mmCIF file of all heavy atoms, coordinates in Angstrom:
data_MODEL
# 
_entry.id   MODEL 
# 
loop_
_atom_site.group_PDB 
_atom_site.id 
_atom_site.type_symbol 
_atom_site.label_atom_id 
_atom_site.label_alt_id 
_atom_site.label_comp_id 
_atom_site.label_asym_id 
_atom_site.label_entity_id 
_atom_site.label_seq_id 
_atom_site.pdbx_PDB_ins_code 
_atom_site.Cartn_x 
_atom_site.Cartn_y 
_atom_site.Cartn_z 
_atom_site.occupancy 
_atom_site.B_iso_or_equiv 
_atom_site.pdbx_formal_charge 
_atom_site.auth_seq_id 
_atom_site.auth_comp_id 
_atom_site.auth_asym_id 
_atom_site.auth_atom_id 
_atom_site.pdbx_PDB_model_num 
ATOM 1   N N   . ILE A 1 1  ? 103.103 86.229 105.673 1.00 0.00 ? 1  ILE A N   1 
ATOM 2   C CA  . ILE A 1 1  ? 102.020 86.243 106.713 1.00 0.00 ? 1  ILE A CA  1 
ATOM 3   C C   . ILE A 1 1  ? 102.472 85.328 107.772 1.00 0.00 ? 1  ILE A C   1 
ATOM 4   O O   . ILE A 1 1  ? 102.615 84.147 107.645 1.00 0.00 ? 1  ILE A O   1 
ATOM 5   C CB  . ILE A 1 1  ? 100.750 85.593 105.989 1.00 0.00 ? 1  ILE A CB  1 
ATOM 6   C CG1 . ILE A 1 1  ? 100.376 86.328 104.689 1.00 0.00 ? 1  ILE A CG1 1 
ATOM 7   C CG2 . ILE A 1 1  ? 99.609  85.634 106.950 1.00 0.00 ? 1  ILE A CG2 1 
ATOM 8   C CD1 . ILE A 1 1  ? 100.006 87.768 104.878 1.00 0.00 ? 1  ILE A CD1 1 
ATOM 9   N N   . VAL A 1 2  ? 102.612 86.035 109.009 1.00 0.00 ? 2  VAL A N   1 
ATOM 10  C CA  . VAL A 1 2  ? 103.006 85.257 110.223 1.00 0.00 ? 2  VAL A CA  1 
ATOM 11  C C   . VAL A 1 2  ? 101.779 85.155 111.177 1.00 0.00 ? 2  VAL A C   1 
ATOM 12  O O   . VAL A 1 2  ? 101.584 86.095 111.811 1.00 0.00 ? 2  VAL A O   1 
ATOM 13  C CB  . VAL A 1 2  ? 104.211 85.928 110.935 1.00 0.00 ? 2  VAL A CB  1 
ATOM 14  C CG1 . VAL A 1 2  ? 104.625 85.212 112.122 1.00 0.00 ? 2  VAL A CG1 1 
ATOM 15  C CG2 . VAL A 1 2  ? 105.319 86.132 109.841 1.00 0.00 ? 2  VAL A CG2 1 
ATOM 16  N N   . LEU A 1 3  ? 101.098 83.971 111.060 1.00 0.00 ? 3  LEU A N   1 
ATOM 17  C CA  . LEU A 1 3  ? 99.953  83.837 111.795 1.00 0.00 ? 3  LEU A CA  1 
ATOM 18  C C   . LEU A 1 3  ? 100.115 84.000 113.321 1.00 0.00 ? 3  LEU A C   1 
ATOM 19  O O   . LEU A 1 3  ? 99.238  84.534 114.048 1.00 0.00 ? 3  LEU A O   1 
ATOM 20  C CB  . LEU A 1 3  ? 99.356  82.410 111.543 1.00 0.00 ? 3  LEU A CB  1 
ATOM 21  C CG  . LEU A 1 3  ? 98.006  82.186 112.138 1.00 0.00 ? 3  LEU A CG  1 
ATOM 22  C CD1 . LEU A 1 3  ? 96.931  83.129 111.471 1.00 0.00 ? 3  LEU A CD1 1 
ATOM 23  C CD2 . LEU A 1 3  ? 97.563  80.663 111.982 1.00 0.00 ? 3  LEU A CD2 1 
ATOM 24  N N   . ASP A 1 4  ? 101.326 83.721 113.849 1.00 0.00 ? 4  ASP A N   1 
ATOM 25  C CA  . ASP A 1 4  ? 101.582 83.819 115.271 1.00 0.00 ? 4  ASP A CA  1 
ATOM 26  C C   . ASP A 1 4  ? 101.353 85.292 115.705 1.00 0.00 ? 4  ASP A C   1 
ATOM 27  O O   . ASP A 1 4  ? 100.920 85.539 116.737 1.00 0.00 ? 4  ASP A O   1 
ATOM 28  C CB  . ASP A 1 4  ? 102.919 83.319 115.761 1.00 0.00 ? 4  ASP A CB  1 
ATOM 29  C CG  . ASP A 1 4  ? 103.074 81.828 115.681 1.00 0.00 ? 4  ASP A CG  1 
ATOM 30  O OD1 . ASP A 1 4  ? 101.930 81.168 115.746 1.00 0.00 ? 4  ASP A OD1 1 
ATOM 31  O OD2 . ASP A 1 4  ? 104.184 81.402 115.733 1.00 0.00 ? 4  ASP A OD2 1 
ATOM 32  N N   . ASP A 1 5  ? 101.809 86.272 114.809 1.00 0.00 ? 5  ASP A N   1 
ATOM 33  C CA  . ASP A 1 5  ? 101.697 87.688 115.097 1.00 0.00 ? 5  ASP A CA  1 
ATOM 34  C C   . ASP A 1 5  ? 100.249 88.065 115.215 1.00 0.00 ? 5  ASP A C   1 
ATOM 35  O O   . ASP A 1 5  ? 99.759  88.799 116.263 1.00 0.00 ? 5  ASP A O   1 
ATOM 36  C CB  . ASP A 1 5  ? 102.252 88.554 114.102 1.00 0.00 ? 5  ASP A CB  1 
ATOM 37  C CG  . ASP A 1 5  ? 103.817 88.442 114.000 1.00 0.00 ? 5  ASP A CG  1 
ATOM 38  O OD1 . ASP A 1 5  ? 104.369 87.868 114.970 1.00 0.00 ? 5  ASP A OD1 1 
ATOM 39  O OD2 . ASP A 1 5  ? 104.380 88.824 112.975 1.00 0.00 ? 5  ASP A OD2 1 
ATOM 40  N N   . TRP A 1 6  ? 99.391  87.601 114.447 1.00 0.00 ? 6  TRP A N   1 
ATOM 41  C CA  . TRP A 1 6  ? 97.899  87.822 114.463 1.00 0.00 ? 6  TRP A CA  1 
ATOM 42  C C   . TRP A 1 6  ? 97.258  87.118 115.745 1.00 0.00 ? 6  TRP A C   1 
ATOM 43  O O   . TRP A 1 6  ? 96.559  87.818 116.405 1.00 0.00 ? 6  TRP A O   1 
ATOM 44  C CB  . TRP A 1 6  ? 97.138  87.373 113.134 1.00 0.00 ? 6  TRP A CB  1 
ATOM 45  C CG  . TRP A 1 6  ? 95.831  87.634 113.196 1.00 0.00 ? 6  TRP A CG  1 
ATOM 46  C CD1 . TRP A 1 6  ? 95.039  88.716 113.109 1.00 0.00 ? 6  TRP A CD1 1 
ATOM 47  C CD2 . TRP A 1 6  ? 94.712  86.595 113.477 1.00 0.00 ? 6  TRP A CD2 1 
ATOM 48  N NE1 . TRP A 1 6  ? 93.688  88.686 113.231 1.00 0.00 ? 6  TRP A NE1 1 
ATOM 49  C CE2 . TRP A 1 6  ? 93.537  87.318 113.387 1.00 0.00 ? 6  TRP A CE2 1 
ATOM 50  C CE3 . TRP A 1 6  ? 94.759  85.217 113.714 1.00 0.00 ? 6  TRP A CE3 1 
ATOM 51  C CZ2 . TRP A 1 6  ? 92.213  86.573 113.521 1.00 0.00 ? 6  TRP A CZ2 1 
ATOM 52  C CZ3 . TRP A 1 6  ? 93.519  84.578 113.803 1.00 0.00 ? 6  TRP A CZ3 1 
ATOM 53  C CH2 . TRP A 1 6  ? 92.283  85.282 113.650 1.00 0.00 ? 6  TRP A CH2 1 
ATOM 54  N N   . VAL A 1 7  ? 97.534  86.019 116.137 1.00 0.00 ? 7  VAL A N   1 
ATOM 55  C CA  . VAL A 1 7  ? 97.121  85.292 117.232 1.00 0.00 ? 7  VAL A CA  1 
ATOM 56  C C   . VAL A 1 7  ? 97.554  86.024 118.432 1.00 0.00 ? 7  VAL A C   1 
ATOM 57  O O   . VAL A 1 7  ? 96.565  86.305 119.360 1.00 0.00 ? 7  VAL A O   1 
ATOM 58  C CB  . VAL A 1 7  ? 97.546  83.786 117.177 1.00 0.00 ? 7  VAL A CB  1 
ATOM 59  C CG1 . VAL A 1 7  ? 97.291  83.196 118.613 1.00 0.00 ? 7  VAL A CG1 1 
ATOM 60  C CG2 . VAL A 1 7  ? 97.044  82.974 116.123 1.00 0.00 ? 7  VAL A CG2 1 
ATOM 61  N N   . ASP A 1 8  ? 98.762  86.570 118.594 1.00 0.00 ? 8  ASP A N   1 
ATOM 62  C CA  . ASP A 1 8  ? 99.112  87.275 119.768 1.00 0.00 ? 8  ASP A CA  1 
ATOM 63  C C   . ASP A 1 8  ? 98.270  88.532 119.769 1.00 0.00 ? 8  ASP A C   1 
ATOM 64  O O   . ASP A 1 8  ? 97.827  88.845 120.940 1.00 0.00 ? 8  ASP A O   1 
ATOM 65  C CB  . ASP A 1 8  ? 100.541 87.681 119.577 1.00 0.00 ? 8  ASP A CB  1 
ATOM 66  C CG  . ASP A 1 8  ? 101.547 86.599 119.835 1.00 0.00 ? 8  ASP A CG  1 
ATOM 67  O OD1 . ASP A 1 8  ? 101.129 85.412 120.277 1.00 0.00 ? 8  ASP A OD1 1 
ATOM 68  O OD2 . ASP A 1 8  ? 102.731 86.624 119.496 1.00 0.00 ? 8  ASP A OD2 1 
ATOM 69  N N   . GLN A 1 9  ? 98.148  89.217 118.766 1.00 0.00 ? 9  GLN A N   1 
ATOM 70  C CA  . GLN A 1 9  ? 97.300  90.541 118.673 1.00 0.00 ? 9  GLN A CA  1 
ATOM 71  C C   . GLN A 1 9  ? 95.832  90.145 119.109 1.00 0.00 ? 9  GLN A C   1 
ATOM 72  O O   . GLN A 1 9  ? 95.269  90.935 119.887 1.00 0.00 ? 9  GLN A O   1 
ATOM 73  C CB  . GLN A 1 9  ? 97.328  91.057 117.198 1.00 0.00 ? 9  GLN A CB  1 
ATOM 74  C CG  . GLN A 1 9  ? 96.266  92.135 116.924 1.00 0.00 ? 9  GLN A CG  1 
ATOM 75  C CD  . GLN A 1 9  ? 96.275  92.362 115.371 1.00 0.00 ? 9  GLN A CD  1 
ATOM 76  O OE1 . GLN A 1 9  ? 97.274  92.573 114.724 1.00 0.00 ? 9  GLN A OE1 1 
ATOM 77  N NE2 . GLN A 1 9  ? 95.081  92.281 114.806 1.00 0.00 ? 9  GLN A NE2 1 
ATOM 78  N N   . GLU A 1 10 ? 95.271  89.107 118.577 1.00 0.00 ? 10 GLU A N   1 
ATOM 79  C CA  . GLU A 1 10 ? 93.840  88.821 118.883 1.00 0.00 ? 10 GLU A CA  1 
ATOM 80  C C   . GLU A 1 10 ? 93.599  88.320 120.273 1.00 0.00 ? 10 GLU A C   1 
ATOM 81  O O   . GLU A 1 10 ? 92.575  88.538 120.885 1.00 0.00 ? 10 GLU A O   1 
ATOM 82  C CB  . GLU A 1 10 ? 93.323  87.829 117.852 1.00 0.00 ? 10 GLU A CB  1 
ATOM 83  C CG  . GLU A 1 10 ? 93.342  88.357 116.412 1.00 0.00 ? 10 GLU A CG  1 
ATOM 84  C CD  . GLU A 1 10 ? 92.430  89.597 116.362 1.00 0.00 ? 10 GLU A CD  1 
ATOM 85  O OE1 . GLU A 1 10 ? 91.206  89.542 116.402 1.00 0.00 ? 10 GLU A OE1 1 
ATOM 86  O OE2 . GLU A 1 10 ? 93.007  90.702 115.997 1.00 0.00 ? 10 GLU A OE2 1 
ATOM 87  N N   . SER A 1 11 ? 94.559  87.683 120.818 1.00 0.00 ? 11 SER A N   1 
ATOM 88  C CA  . SER A 1 11 ? 94.516  87.195 122.216 1.00 0.00 ? 11 SER A CA  1 
ATOM 89  C C   . SER A 1 11 ? 94.330  88.269 123.212 1.00 0.00 ? 11 SER A C   1 
ATOM 90  O O   . SER A 1 11 ? 93.685  88.128 124.229 1.00 0.00 ? 11 SER A O   1 
ATOM 91  C CB  . SER A 1 11 ? 95.705  86.392 122.646 1.00 0.00 ? 11 SER A CB  1 
ATOM 92  O OG  . SER A 1 11 ? 95.861  85.172 121.754 1.00 0.00 ? 11 SER A OG  1 
ATOM 93  N N   . LEU A 1 12 ? 94.833  89.458 122.970 1.00 0.00 ? 12 LEU A N   1 
ATOM 94  C CA  . LEU A 1 12 ? 94.691  90.609 123.729 1.00 0.00 ? 12 LEU A CA  1 
ATOM 95  C C   . LEU A 1 12 ? 93.239  91.227 123.753 1.00 0.00 ? 12 LEU A C   1 
ATOM 96  O O   . LEU A 1 12 ? 92.934  91.965 124.656 1.00 0.00 ? 12 LEU A O   1 
ATOM 97  C CB  . LEU A 1 12 ? 95.617  91.628 123.366 1.00 0.00 ? 12 LEU A CB  1 
ATOM 98  C CG  . LEU A 1 12 ? 97.150  91.254 123.385 1.00 0.00 ? 12 LEU A CG  1 
ATOM 99  C CD1 . LEU A 1 12 ? 98.092  92.477 122.947 1.00 0.00 ? 12 LEU A CD1 1 
ATOM 100 C CD2 . LEU A 1 12 ? 97.585  91.021 125.012 1.00 0.00 ? 12 LEU A CD2 1 
ATOM 101 N N   . LYS A 1 13 ? 92.526  90.810 122.714 1.00 0.00 ? 13 LYS A N   1 
ATOM 102 C CA  . LYS A 1 13 ? 91.067  91.360 122.630 1.00 0.00 ? 13 LYS A CA  1 
ATOM 103 C C   . LYS A 1 13 ? 90.129  90.572 123.352 1.00 0.00 ? 13 LYS A C   1 
ATOM 104 O O   . LYS A 1 13 ? 88.883  91.044 123.410 1.00 0.00 ? 13 LYS A O   1 
ATOM 105 C CB  . LYS A 1 13 ? 90.765  91.418 121.196 1.00 0.00 ? 13 LYS A CB  1 
ATOM 106 C CG  . LYS A 1 13 ? 91.578  92.336 120.207 1.00 0.00 ? 13 LYS A CG  1 
ATOM 107 C CD  . LYS A 1 13 ? 91.202  92.313 118.904 1.00 0.00 ? 13 LYS A CD  1 
ATOM 108 C CE  . LYS A 1 13 ? 91.968  93.242 117.912 1.00 0.00 ? 13 LYS A CE  1 
ATOM 109 N NZ  . LYS A 1 13 ? 91.487  93.047 116.594 1.00 0.00 ? 13 LYS A NZ  1 
ATOM 110 N N   . GLY A 1 14 ? 90.419  89.517 123.862 1.00 0.00 ? 14 GLY A N   1 
ATOM 111 C CA  . GLY A 1 14 ? 89.411  88.615 124.599 1.00 0.00 ? 14 GLY A CA  1 
ATOM 112 C C   . GLY A 1 14 ? 88.295  88.054 123.670 1.00 0.00 ? 14 GLY A C   1 
ATOM 113 O O   . GLY A 1 14 ? 88.689  87.661 122.489 1.00 0.00 ? 14 GLY A O   1 
ATOM 114 N N   . ARG A 1 15 ? 87.115  88.217 124.093 1.00 0.00 ? 15 ARG A N   1 
ATOM 115 C CA  . ARG A 1 15 ? 85.998  87.667 123.325 1.00 0.00 ? 15 ARG A CA  1 
ATOM 116 C C   . ARG A 1 15 ? 85.797  88.487 121.906 1.00 0.00 ? 15 ARG A C   1 
ATOM 117 O O   . ARG A 1 15 ? 85.098  87.870 121.101 1.00 0.00 ? 15 ARG A O   1 
ATOM 118 C CB  . ARG A 1 15 ? 84.679  87.751 124.099 1.00 0.00 ? 15 ARG A CB  1 
ATOM 119 C CG  . ARG A 1 15 ? 84.746  86.970 125.340 1.00 0.00 ? 15 ARG A CG  1 
ATOM 120 C CD  . ARG A 1 15 ? 83.432  86.960 126.092 1.00 0.00 ? 15 ARG A CD  1 
ATOM 121 N NE  . ARG A 1 15 ? 83.222  85.663 126.409 1.00 0.00 ? 15 ARG A NE  1 
ATOM 122 C CZ  . ARG A 1 15 ? 82.034  84.955 126.616 1.00 0.00 ? 15 ARG A CZ  1 
ATOM 123 N NH1 . ARG A 1 15 ? 80.931  85.610 126.213 1.00 0.00 ? 15 ARG A NH1 1 
ATOM 124 N NH2 . ARG A 1 15 ? 81.967  83.767 126.900 1.00 0.00 ? 15 ARG A NH2 1 
ATOM 125 N N   . ASP A 1 16 ? 86.327  89.637 121.858 1.00 0.00 ? 16 ASP A N   1 
ATOM 126 C CA  . ASP A 1 16 ? 86.161  90.383 120.589 1.00 0.00 ? 16 ASP A CA  1 
ATOM 127 C C   . ASP A 1 16 ? 87.184  90.069 119.499 1.00 0.00 ? 16 ASP A C   1 
ATOM 128 O O   . ASP A 1 16 ? 87.209  90.485 118.446 1.00 0.00 ? 16 ASP A O   1 
ATOM 129 C CB  . ASP A 1 16 ? 86.247  91.822 120.803 1.00 0.00 ? 16 ASP A CB  1 
ATOM 130 C CG  . ASP A 1 16 ? 85.054  92.423 121.684 1.00 0.00 ? 16 ASP A CG  1 
ATOM 131 O OD1 . ASP A 1 16 ? 84.051  91.777 121.693 1.00 0.00 ? 16 ASP A OD1 1 
ATOM 132 O OD2 . ASP A 1 16 ? 85.358  93.293 122.495 1.00 0.00 ? 16 ASP A OD2 1 
ATOM 133 N N   . GLY A 1 17 ? 88.197  89.158 119.951 1.00 0.00 ? 17 GLY A N   1 
ATOM 134 C CA  . GLY A 1 17 ? 89.155  88.778 118.913 1.00 0.00 ? 17 GLY A CA  1 
ATOM 135 C C   . GLY A 1 17 ? 88.826  87.636 118.056 1.00 0.00 ? 17 GLY A C   1 
ATOM 136 O O   . GLY A 1 17 ? 87.755  87.071 118.127 1.00 0.00 ? 17 GLY A O   1 
ATOM 137 N N   . PHE A 1 18 ? 89.714  87.390 117.169 1.00 0.00 ? 18 PHE A N   1 
ATOM 138 C CA  . PHE A 1 18 ? 89.605  86.210 116.275 1.00 0.00 ? 18 PHE A CA  1 
ATOM 139 C C   . PHE A 1 18 ? 88.380  86.348 115.272 1.00 0.00 ? 18 PHE A C   1 
ATOM 140 O O   . PHE A 1 18 ? 87.577  85.382 115.122 1.00 0.00 ? 18 PHE A O   1 
ATOM 141 C CB  . PHE A 1 18 ? 89.567  84.869 117.003 1.00 0.00 ? 18 PHE A CB  1 
ATOM 142 C CG  . PHE A 1 18 ? 90.876  84.649 117.728 1.00 0.00 ? 18 PHE A CG  1 
ATOM 143 C CD1 . PHE A 1 18 ? 90.889  84.923 119.162 1.00 0.00 ? 18 PHE A CD1 1 
ATOM 144 C CD2 . PHE A 1 18 ? 91.923  84.125 117.065 1.00 0.00 ? 18 PHE A CD2 1 
ATOM 145 C CE1 . PHE A 1 18 ? 92.170  84.867 119.746 1.00 0.00 ? 18 PHE A CE1 1 
ATOM 146 C CE2 . PHE A 1 18 ? 93.211  83.961 117.821 1.00 0.00 ? 18 PHE A CE2 1 
ATOM 147 C CZ  . PHE A 1 18 ? 93.212  84.302 119.108 1.00 0.00 ? 18 PHE A CZ  1 
ATOM 148 N N   . SER A 1 19 ? 88.187  87.499 114.672 1.00 0.00 ? 19 SER A N   1 
ATOM 149 C CA  . SER A 1 19 ? 87.211  87.701 113.736 1.00 0.00 ? 19 SER A CA  1 
ATOM 150 C C   . SER A 1 19 ? 87.745  87.633 112.268 1.00 0.00 ? 19 SER A C   1 
ATOM 151 O O   . SER A 1 19 ? 88.919  87.816 112.199 1.00 0.00 ? 19 SER A O   1 
ATOM 152 C CB  . SER A 1 19 ? 86.498  88.938 113.910 1.00 0.00 ? 19 SER A CB  1 
ATOM 153 O OG  . SER A 1 19 ? 87.452  90.009 113.492 1.00 0.00 ? 19 SER A OG  1 
ATOM 154 N N   . MET A 1 20 ? 86.916  87.282 111.291 1.00 0.00 ? 20 MET A N   1 
ATOM 155 C CA  . MET A 1 20 ? 87.360  87.230 109.983 1.00 0.00 ? 20 MET A CA  1 
ATOM 156 C C   . MET A 1 20 ? 87.812  88.635 109.569 1.00 0.00 ? 20 MET A C   1 
ATOM 157 O O   . MET A 1 20 ? 88.891  88.669 108.893 1.00 0.00 ? 20 MET A O   1 
ATOM 158 C CB  . MET A 1 20 ? 86.157  86.771 109.128 1.00 0.00 ? 20 MET A CB  1 
ATOM 159 C CG  . MET A 1 20 ? 86.557  86.768 107.537 1.00 0.00 ? 20 MET A CG  1 
ATOM 160 S SD  . MET A 1 20 ? 87.737  85.589 107.153 1.00 0.00 ? 20 MET A SD  1 
ATOM 161 C CE  . MET A 1 20 ? 86.686  84.177 106.864 1.00 0.00 ? 20 MET A CE  1 
ATOM 162 N N   . ALA A 1 21 ? 87.088  89.663 109.885 1.00 0.00 ? 21 ALA A N   1 
ATOM 163 C CA  . ALA A 1 21 ? 87.451  91.009 109.565 1.00 0.00 ? 21 ALA A CA  1 
ATOM 164 C C   . ALA A 1 21 ? 88.886  91.410 109.984 1.00 0.00 ? 21 ALA A C   1 
ATOM 165 O O   . ALA A 1 21 ? 89.602  91.963 109.279 1.00 0.00 ? 21 ALA A O   1 
ATOM 166 C CB  . ALA A 1 21 ? 86.464  92.061 110.122 1.00 0.00 ? 21 ALA A CB  1 
ATOM 167 N N   . SER A 1 22 ? 89.225  90.991 111.238 1.00 0.00 ? 22 SER A N   1 
ATOM 168 C CA  . SER A 1 22 ? 90.504  91.444 111.748 1.00 0.00 ? 22 SER A CA  1 
ATOM 169 C C   . SER A 1 22 ? 91.574  90.573 111.034 1.00 0.00 ? 22 SER A C   1 
ATOM 170 O O   . SER A 1 22 ? 92.725  90.936 110.774 1.00 0.00 ? 22 SER A O   1 
ATOM 171 C CB  . SER A 1 22 ? 90.698  91.277 113.281 1.00 0.00 ? 22 SER A CB  1 
ATOM 172 O OG  . SER A 1 22 ? 90.599  89.929 113.659 1.00 0.00 ? 22 SER A OG  1 
ATOM 173 N N   . PHE A 1 23 ? 91.309  89.314 110.751 1.00 0.00 ? 23 PHE A N   1 
ATOM 174 C CA  . PHE A 1 23 ? 92.164  88.495 110.024 1.00 0.00 ? 23 PHE A CA  1 
ATOM 175 C C   . PHE A 1 23 ? 92.467  88.987 108.584 1.00 0.00 ? 23 PHE A C   1 
ATOM 176 O O   . PHE A 1 23 ? 93.623  89.045 108.105 1.00 0.00 ? 23 PHE A O   1 
ATOM 177 C CB  . PHE A 1 23 ? 91.672  87.012 109.939 1.00 0.00 ? 23 PHE A CB  1 
ATOM 178 C CG  . PHE A 1 23 ? 92.751  86.010 109.477 1.00 0.00 ? 23 PHE A CG  1 
ATOM 179 C CD1 . PHE A 1 23 ? 93.914  85.924 110.024 1.00 0.00 ? 23 PHE A CD1 1 
ATOM 180 C CD2 . PHE A 1 23 ? 92.353  85.207 108.415 1.00 0.00 ? 23 PHE A CD2 1 
ATOM 181 C CE1 . PHE A 1 23 ? 94.876  84.912 109.586 1.00 0.00 ? 23 PHE A CE1 1 
ATOM 182 C CE2 . PHE A 1 23 ? 93.373  84.238 107.925 1.00 0.00 ? 23 PHE A CE2 1 
ATOM 183 C CZ  . PHE A 1 23 ? 94.600  84.128 108.599 1.00 0.00 ? 23 PHE A CZ  1 
ATOM 184 N N   . LEU A 1 24 ? 91.438  89.489 107.927 1.00 0.00 ? 24 LEU A N   1 
ATOM 185 C CA  . LEU A 1 24 ? 91.699  90.004 106.584 1.00 0.00 ? 24 LEU A CA  1 
ATOM 186 C C   . LEU A 1 24 ? 92.437  91.376 106.674 1.00 0.00 ? 24 LEU A C   1 
ATOM 187 O O   . LEU A 1 24 ? 93.341  91.581 105.795 1.00 0.00 ? 24 LEU A O   1 
ATOM 188 C CB  . LEU A 1 24 ? 90.235  90.242 105.924 1.00 0.00 ? 24 LEU A CB  1 
ATOM 189 C CG  . LEU A 1 24 ? 89.292  89.075 105.637 1.00 0.00 ? 24 LEU A CG  1 
ATOM 190 C CD1 . LEU A 1 24 ? 88.036  89.570 105.076 1.00 0.00 ? 24 LEU A CD1 1 
ATOM 191 C CD2 . LEU A 1 24 ? 90.057  88.189 104.661 1.00 0.00 ? 24 LEU A CD2 1 
ATOM 192 N N   . GLU A 1 25 ? 92.201  92.210 107.636 1.00 0.00 ? 25 GLU A N   1 
ATOM 193 C CA  . GLU A 1 25 ? 92.990  93.324 107.824 1.00 0.00 ? 25 GLU A CA  1 
ATOM 194 C C   . GLU A 1 25 ? 94.422  93.038 108.038 1.00 0.00 ? 25 GLU A C   1 
ATOM 195 O O   . GLU A 1 25 ? 95.304  93.748 107.518 1.00 0.00 ? 25 GLU A O   1 
ATOM 196 C CB  . GLU A 1 25 ? 92.427  94.218 108.959 1.00 0.00 ? 25 GLU A CB  1 
ATOM 197 C CG  . GLU A 1 25 ? 91.102  94.758 108.685 1.00 0.00 ? 25 GLU A CG  1 
ATOM 198 C CD  . GLU A 1 25 ? 90.493  95.499 109.955 1.00 0.00 ? 25 GLU A CD  1 
ATOM 199 O OE1 . GLU A 1 25 ? 91.227  95.728 110.911 1.00 0.00 ? 25 GLU A OE1 1 
ATOM 200 O OE2 . GLU A 1 25 ? 89.239  95.699 109.895 1.00 0.00 ? 25 GLU A OE2 1 
ATOM 201 N N   . PHE A 1 26 ? 94.611  92.059 108.948 1.00 0.00 ? 26 PHE A N   1 
ATOM 202 C CA  . PHE A 1 26 ? 96.132  91.580 109.211 1.00 0.00 ? 26 PHE A CA  1 
ATOM 203 C C   . PHE A 1 26 ? 96.749  91.193 107.840 1.00 0.00 ? 26 PHE A C   1 
ATOM 204 O O   . PHE A 1 26 ? 97.850  91.554 107.660 1.00 0.00 ? 26 PHE A O   1 
ATOM 205 C CB  . PHE A 1 26 ? 96.020  90.588 110.217 1.00 0.00 ? 26 PHE A CB  1 
ATOM 206 C CG  . PHE A 1 26 ? 97.454  89.873 110.455 1.00 0.00 ? 26 PHE A CG  1 
ATOM 207 C CD1 . PHE A 1 26 ? 98.345  90.552 111.223 1.00 0.00 ? 26 PHE A CD1 1 
ATOM 208 C CD2 . PHE A 1 26 ? 97.758  88.582 109.860 1.00 0.00 ? 26 PHE A CD2 1 
ATOM 209 C CE1 . PHE A 1 26 ? 99.591  89.976 111.472 1.00 0.00 ? 26 PHE A CE1 1 
ATOM 210 C CE2 . PHE A 1 26 ? 99.025  88.191 110.103 1.00 0.00 ? 26 PHE A CE2 1 
ATOM 211 C CZ  . PHE A 1 26 ? 99.940  88.754 110.882 1.00 0.00 ? 26 PHE A CZ  1 
ATOM 212 N N   . ILE A 1 27 ? 96.000  90.389 107.104 1.00 0.00 ? 27 ILE A N   1 
ATOM 213 C CA  . ILE A 1 27 ? 96.690  89.931 105.830 1.00 0.00 ? 27 ILE A CA  1 
ATOM 214 C C   . ILE A 1 27 ? 96.985  91.079 104.914 1.00 0.00 ? 27 ILE A C   1 
ATOM 215 O O   . ILE A 1 27 ? 98.005  91.131 104.271 1.00 0.00 ? 27 ILE A O   1 
ATOM 216 C CB  . ILE A 1 27 ? 95.736  88.789 105.168 1.00 0.00 ? 27 ILE A CB  1 
ATOM 217 C CG1 . ILE A 1 27 ? 95.842  87.531 106.024 1.00 0.00 ? 27 ILE A CG1 1 
ATOM 218 C CG2 . ILE A 1 27 ? 96.246  88.563 103.730 1.00 0.00 ? 27 ILE A CG2 1 
ATOM 219 C CD1 . ILE A 1 27 ? 94.825  86.509 105.507 1.00 0.00 ? 27 ILE A CD1 1 
ATOM 220 N N   . ASP A 1 28 ? 95.942  91.966 104.757 1.00 0.00 ? 28 ASP A N   1 
ATOM 221 C CA  . ASP A 1 28 ? 96.179  93.214 104.054 1.00 0.00 ? 28 ASP A CA  1 
ATOM 222 C C   . ASP A 1 28 ? 97.416  93.929 104.319 1.00 0.00 ? 28 ASP A C   1 
ATOM 223 O O   . ASP A 1 28 ? 98.192  94.350 103.592 1.00 0.00 ? 28 ASP A O   1 
ATOM 224 C CB  . ASP A 1 28 ? 94.923  94.003 103.847 1.00 0.00 ? 28 ASP A CB  1 
ATOM 225 C CG  . ASP A 1 28 ? 93.772  93.331 103.039 1.00 0.00 ? 28 ASP A CG  1 
ATOM 226 O OD1 . ASP A 1 28 ? 94.089  92.503 102.333 1.00 0.00 ? 28 ASP A OD1 1 
ATOM 227 O OD2 . ASP A 1 28 ? 92.653  93.883 103.282 1.00 0.00 ? 28 ASP A OD2 1 
# 
């Protein structure tokens, strides 16, 4: 699990980023 990859992905989403659902999907 490389958190930096998820942070980069979510940063592109703006206000819609950094949700629990997207974090769980990333981990899965």
